[in-house]
Amino acid sequence: MLDIRQIGEHAHKRGESAIRLMTNAPIPICVKTSALGFFNAPIVKLPDITGQLHSINHLQNLTKAENRIQRALTRATDKQP
């Protein structure tokens, strides 16, 4: 999460930054990646530190995150007496 905060809020982190897709695959990115480039559209193509482009679908990631949260909430409420 700090990697996305670093892009969006200029938070600083030592070392190489990486964002993770919902598959948990890390994409090493340049620290100077701009928030505009990352959040410019629902689907963006972002270069990694080698210049290779990666497609990031924010809507798909939000849907997957929402599903994970809903499953966790369901499990948590099912365990309560």
C-alpha atoms as a PDB file:
ATOM      1  CA  MET A   1       0.000   0.000   0.000  1.00  0.00           C
ATOM      2  CA  LEU A   2       2.883   2.365   0.684  1.00  0.00           C
ATOM      3  CA  ASP A   3       3.900   2.028  -2.961  1.00  0.00           C
ATOM      4  CA  ILE A   4       0.560   3.442  -4.108  1.00  0.00           C
ATOM      5  CA  ARG A   5       0.706   6.132  -1.411  1.00  0.00           C
ATOM      6  CA  GLN A   6       4.171   6.984  -2.666  1.00  0.00           C
ATOM      7  CA  ILE A   7       2.734   7.588  -6.133  1.00  0.00           C
ATOM      8  CA  GLY A   8      -0.405   9.404  -5.027  1.00  0.00           C
ATOM      9  CA  GLU A   9       0.739  11.328  -1.970  1.00  0.00           C
ATOM     10  CA  HIS A  10       4.490  11.674  -2.407  1.00  0.00           C
ATOM     11  CA  ALA A  11       5.171   9.457   0.618  1.00  0.00           C
ATOM     12  CA  HIS A  12       8.766   8.323   0.563  1.00  0.00           C
ATOM     13  CA  LYS A  13      10.028   4.779   0.878  1.00  0.00           C
ATOM     14  CA  ARG A  14      13.576   3.570   0.732  1.00  0.00           C
ATOM     15  CA  GLY A  15      14.469   1.143  -1.982  1.00  0.00           C
ATOM     16  CA  GLU A  16      12.703   0.036  -5.107  1.00  0.00           C
ATOM     17  CA  SER A  17       8.956   0.478  -5.360  1.00  0.00           C
ATOM     18  CA  ALA A  18       6.658  -2.225  -6.638  1.00  0.00           C
ATOM     19  CA  ILE A  19       2.933  -2.436  -7.111  1.00  0.00           C
ATOM     20  CA  ARG A  20       1.130  -5.743  -6.861  1.00  0.00           C
ATOM     21  CA  LEU A  21      -1.677  -6.907  -9.046  1.00  0.00           C
ATOM     22  CA  MET A  22      -4.551  -8.928  -7.621  1.00  0.00           C
ATOM     23  CA  THR A  23      -2.527 -12.001  -8.600  1.00  0.00           C
ATOM     24  CA  ASN A  24       0.105 -10.726  -6.114  1.00  0.00           C
ATOM     25  CA  ALA A  25       2.650 -10.458  -8.945  1.00  0.00           C
ATOM     26  CA  PRO A  26       4.981  -7.529  -8.194  1.00  0.00           C
ATOM     27  CA  ILE A  27       5.656  -4.920 -10.861  1.00  0.00           C
ATOM     28  CA  PRO A  28       8.789  -2.916 -10.015  1.00  0.00           C
ATOM     29  CA  ILE A  29       8.172   0.724 -10.906  1.00  0.00           C
ATOM     30  CA  CYS A  30      10.279   3.837 -11.019  1.00  0.00           C
ATOM     31  CA  VAL A  31       9.926   5.996  -7.920  1.00  0.00           C
ATOM     32  CA  LYS A  32       9.197   8.963 -10.194  1.00  0.00           C
ATOM     33  CA  THR A  33       6.027   7.361 -11.615  1.00  0.00           C
ATOM     34  CA  SER A  34       3.347  10.034 -11.484  1.00  0.00           C
ATOM     35  CA  ALA A  35      -0.089   9.721  -9.967  1.00  0.00           C
ATOM     36  CA  LEU A  36      -1.534  10.992 -13.246  1.00  0.00           C
ATOM     37  CA  GLY A  37       0.026   8.082 -15.100  1.00  0.00           C
ATOM     38  CA  PHE A  38      -1.184   5.584 -12.523  1.00  0.00           C
ATOM     39  CA  PHE A  39      -4.724   6.886 -11.949  1.00  0.00           C
ATOM     40  CA  ASN A  40      -5.368   8.524 -15.336  1.00  0.00           C
ATOM     41  CA  ALA A  41      -8.039   6.080 -16.529  1.00  0.00           C
ATOM     42  CA  PRO A  42      -9.925   2.937 -15.487  1.00  0.00           C
ATOM     43  CA  ILE A  43      -7.366   0.895 -17.435  1.00  0.00           C
ATOM     44  CA  VAL A  44      -3.802   2.204 -17.689  1.00  0.00           C
ATOM     45  CA  LYS A  45      -0.575   0.933 -19.178  1.00  0.00           C
ATOM     46  CA  LEU A  46       2.287   1.524 -16.771  1.00  0.00           C
ATOM     47  CA  PRO A  47       5.966   0.907 -17.575  1.00  0.00           C
ATOM     48  CA  ASP A  48       8.091  -1.019 -15.105  1.00  0.00           C
ATOM     49  CA  ILE A  49      11.716  -0.111 -14.416  1.00  0.00           C
ATOM     50  CA  THR A  50      12.831  -1.940 -17.581  1.00  0.00           C
ATOM     51  CA  GLY A  51      10.327  -0.081 -19.769  1.00  0.00           C
ATOM     52  CA  GLN A  52       7.979  -3.034 -20.305  1.00  0.00           C
ATOM     53  CA  LEU A  53       4.322  -1.942 -20.263  1.00  0.00           C
ATOM     54  CA  HIS A  54       1.843  -3.552 -17.862  1.00  0.00           C
ATOM     55  CA  SER A  55      -1.913  -3.100 -18.135  1.00  0.00           C
ATOM     56  CA  ILE A  56      -3.603  -2.227 -14.836  1.00  0.00           C
ATOM     57  CA  ASN A  57      -7.382  -2.450 -14.745  1.00  0.00           C
ATOM     58  CA  HIS A  58      -8.485  -0.442 -11.702  1.00  0.00           C
ATOM     59  CA  LEU A  59     -12.149  -1.421 -12.071  1.00  0.00           C
ATOM     60  CA  GLN A  60     -11.293  -5.115 -12.135  1.00  0.00           C
ATOM     61  CA  ASN A  61      -9.006  -4.679  -9.119  1.00  0.00           C
ATOM     62  CA  LEU A  62     -11.736  -2.823  -7.199  1.00  0.00           C
ATOM     63  CA  THR A  63     -14.264  -5.553  -7.984  1.00  0.00           C
ATOM     64  CA  LYS A  64     -11.855  -8.256  -6.809  1.00  0.00           C
ATOM     65  CA  ALA A  65     -11.041  -6.302  -3.651  1.00  0.00           C
ATOM     66  CA  GLU A  66     -14.739  -5.799  -2.926  1.00  0.00           C
ATOM     67  CA  ASN A  67     -15.351  -9.541  -3.332  1.00  0.00           C
ATOM     68  CA  ARG A  68     -12.473 -10.380  -0.979  1.00  0.00           C
ATOM     69  CA  ILE A  69     -13.757  -7.948   1.641  1.00  0.00           C
ATOM     70  CA  GLN A  70     -17.306  -9.277   1.344  1.00  0.00           C
ATOM     71  CA  ARG A  71     -16.101 -12.872   1.793  1.00  0.00           C
ATOM     72  CA  ALA A  72     -14.061 -11.848   4.848  1.00  0.00           C
ATOM     73  CA  LEU A  73     -17.020 -10.021   6.376  1.00  0.00           C
ATOM     74  CA  THR A  74     -19.266 -13.010   5.747  1.00  0.00           C
ATOM     75  CA  ARG A  75     -16.765 -15.366   7.395  1.00  0.00           C
ATOM     76  CA  ALA A  76     -16.379 -13.004  10.360  1.00  0.00           C
ATOM     77  CA  THR A  77     -20.120 -12.621  10.923  1.00  0.00           C
ATOM     78  CA  ASP A  78     -20.711 -16.370  10.544  1.00  0.00           C
ATOM     79  CA  LYS A  79     -18.256 -17.043  13.400  1.00  0.00           C
ATOM     80  CA  GLN A  80     -20.026 -14.728  15.864  1.00  0.00           C
ATOM     81  CA  PRO A  81     -22.364 -16.427  18.384  1.00  0.00           C
END
